[in-house]
Protein backbone atom coordinates (compact mmCIF):
# COMPACT_ATOMS: atom_id res chain seq x y z
CA UNK A 1 -0.02 -0.01 -0.11
CA UNK A 2 1.36 3.38 -1.00
CA UNK A 3 0.83 6.43 1.12
CA UNK A 4 0.72 9.78 -0.62
CA UNK A 5 2.37 12.13 1.46
CA UNK A 6 1.45 15.24 -0.95
CA UNK A 7 -1.97 14.92 0.77
CA UNK A 8 -0.75 14.73 4.21
CA UNK A 9 1.78 17.63 4.40
CA UNK A 10 -0.57 20.33 4.09
CA UNK A 11 -2.64 18.79 6.96
CA UNK A 12 0.42 18.06 9.24
CA UNK A 13 1.47 21.68 8.19
CA UNK A 14 -1.67 23.03 9.44
CA UNK A 15 -1.95 21.27 12.48
CA UNK A 16 1.91 22.37 13.45
CA UNK A 17 1.13 25.86 12.56
CA UNK A 18 -1.94 26.05 14.69
CA UNK A 19 -0.04 24.48 17.57
CA UNK A 20 2.76 26.96 17.45
CA UNK A 21 0.12 29.75 17.00
CA UNK A 22 -1.62 28.51 20.11
CA UNK A 23 1.59 28.26 21.86
CA UNK A 24 2.34 31.90 20.98
CA UNK A 25 -1.02 33.09 22.62
CA UNK A 26 -0.73 31.25 25.49
CA UNK A 27 2.96 32.54 26.39
CA UNK A 28 1.80 35.86 25.38
CA UNK A 29 -1.27 35.57 28.09
CA UNK A 30 0.65 34.08 30.66
CA UNK A 31 3.83 36.58 30.47
CA UNK A 32 1.54 39.57 30.64
CA UNK A 33 -0.33 38.06 33.64
CA UNK A 34 2.80 37.50 35.65
CA UNK A 35 4.08 41.16 34.71
CA UNK A 36 0.46 42.52 36.20
CA UNK A 37 0.61 39.93 39.16
CA UNK A 38 4.63 40.74 39.98
CA UNK A 39 3.89 44.86 40.19
CA UNK A 40 0.69 43.90 42.31
CA UNK A 41 2.02 41.67 44.83
CA UNK A 42 5.71 42.78 45.35
CA UNK A 43 5.68 46.07 47.25
CA UNK A 44 8.96 47.36 45.97
CA UNK A 45 7.72 47.19 42.29
CA UNK A 46 5.11 49.53 43.03
CA UNK A 47 6.50 52.39 41.65
CA UNK A 48 5.07 55.29 38.80
CA UNK A 49 7.73 53.85 36.43
CA UNK A 50 6.42 50.37 36.64
CA UNK A 51 3.03 51.35 36.07
CA UNK A 52 3.35 52.11 32.79
CA UNK A 53 4.86 48.32 32.37
CA UNK A 54 1.69 47.26 33.65
CA UNK A 55 -0.46 49.47 31.35
CA UNK A 56 1.58 48.13 28.26
CA UNK A 57 1.21 44.30 29.74
CA UNK A 58 -2.63 45.01 30.05
CA UNK A 59 -2.81 46.35 26.48
CA UNK A 60 -1.05 43.19 25.15
CA UNK A 61 -3.04 41.10 27.35
CA UNK A 62 -6.46 42.48 25.36
CA UNK A 63 -4.35 41.88 22.17
CA UNK A 64 -3.61 38.39 23.37
CA UNK A 65 -7.29 37.71 24.09
CA UNK A 66 -9.30 39.37 21.54
CA UNK A 67 -7.34 40.19 18.32
CA UNK A 68 -4.67 37.00 18.40
CA UNK A 69 -7.08 33.97 18.60
CA UNK A 70 -9.27 35.74 15.36
CA UNK A 71 -5.92 36.01 13.55
CA UNK A 72 -5.01 32.56 14.48
CA UNK A 73 -8.58 31.37 13.00
CA UNK A 74 -7.69 33.55 10.01
CA UNK A 75 -4.23 32.13 9.16
CA UNK A 76 -5.21 28.54 9.85
CA UNK A 77 -8.06 29.07 7.33
CA UNK A 78 -5.86 30.49 4.58
CA UNK A 79 -6.80 34.28 4.59
CA UNK A 80 -10.60 33.39 4.51
CA UNK A 81 -12.92 34.63 7.22
CA UNK A 82 -15.14 31.83 8.12
CA UNK A 83 -16.87 33.80 11.02
CA UNK A 84 -19.66 36.24 11.07
CA UNK A 85 -19.05 39.72 10.13
CA UNK A 86 -19.55 41.31 13.36
CA UNK A 87 -16.85 38.94 14.55
CA UNK A 88 -14.65 40.45 11.78
CA UNK A 89 -15.19 43.87 13.03
CA UNK A 90 -14.51 43.22 16.30
CA UNK A 91 -11.39 41.95 15.18
CA UNK A 92 -10.09 44.80 12.76
CA UNK A 93 -11.47 47.24 15.16
CA UNK A 94 -8.74 45.33 18.00
CA UNK A 95 -5.86 45.53 15.63
C-alpha cells in the first residue's frame, strides 16, 4: 500500500502552524499576567515607572485575548474569514 505524502503534508503543516500559534497566544497571556501580578504583589515594584509597564502589559493582554485568536483562525483558514461579519469588525477594530 502506497501512501501519498503530498496529501498529508498540508494537514500536518496546518496542525503544526496551529500548535505554534496557540503556544504563542498562551505564552503571551501568561507572560503579561505575570508582569501584572509581580507589580501588584511585590511592594517594592509599586513605583510610577512600573505602572507604565503594567499599562503596556494590560494592553498586550487584551491583544492576546481578543485579536490573536481571531488572527489565528484567519491564518489557519488560508486567509479567508469563516466567522460572522460582526466578529470580523471586532477583530479589525482591535488591531
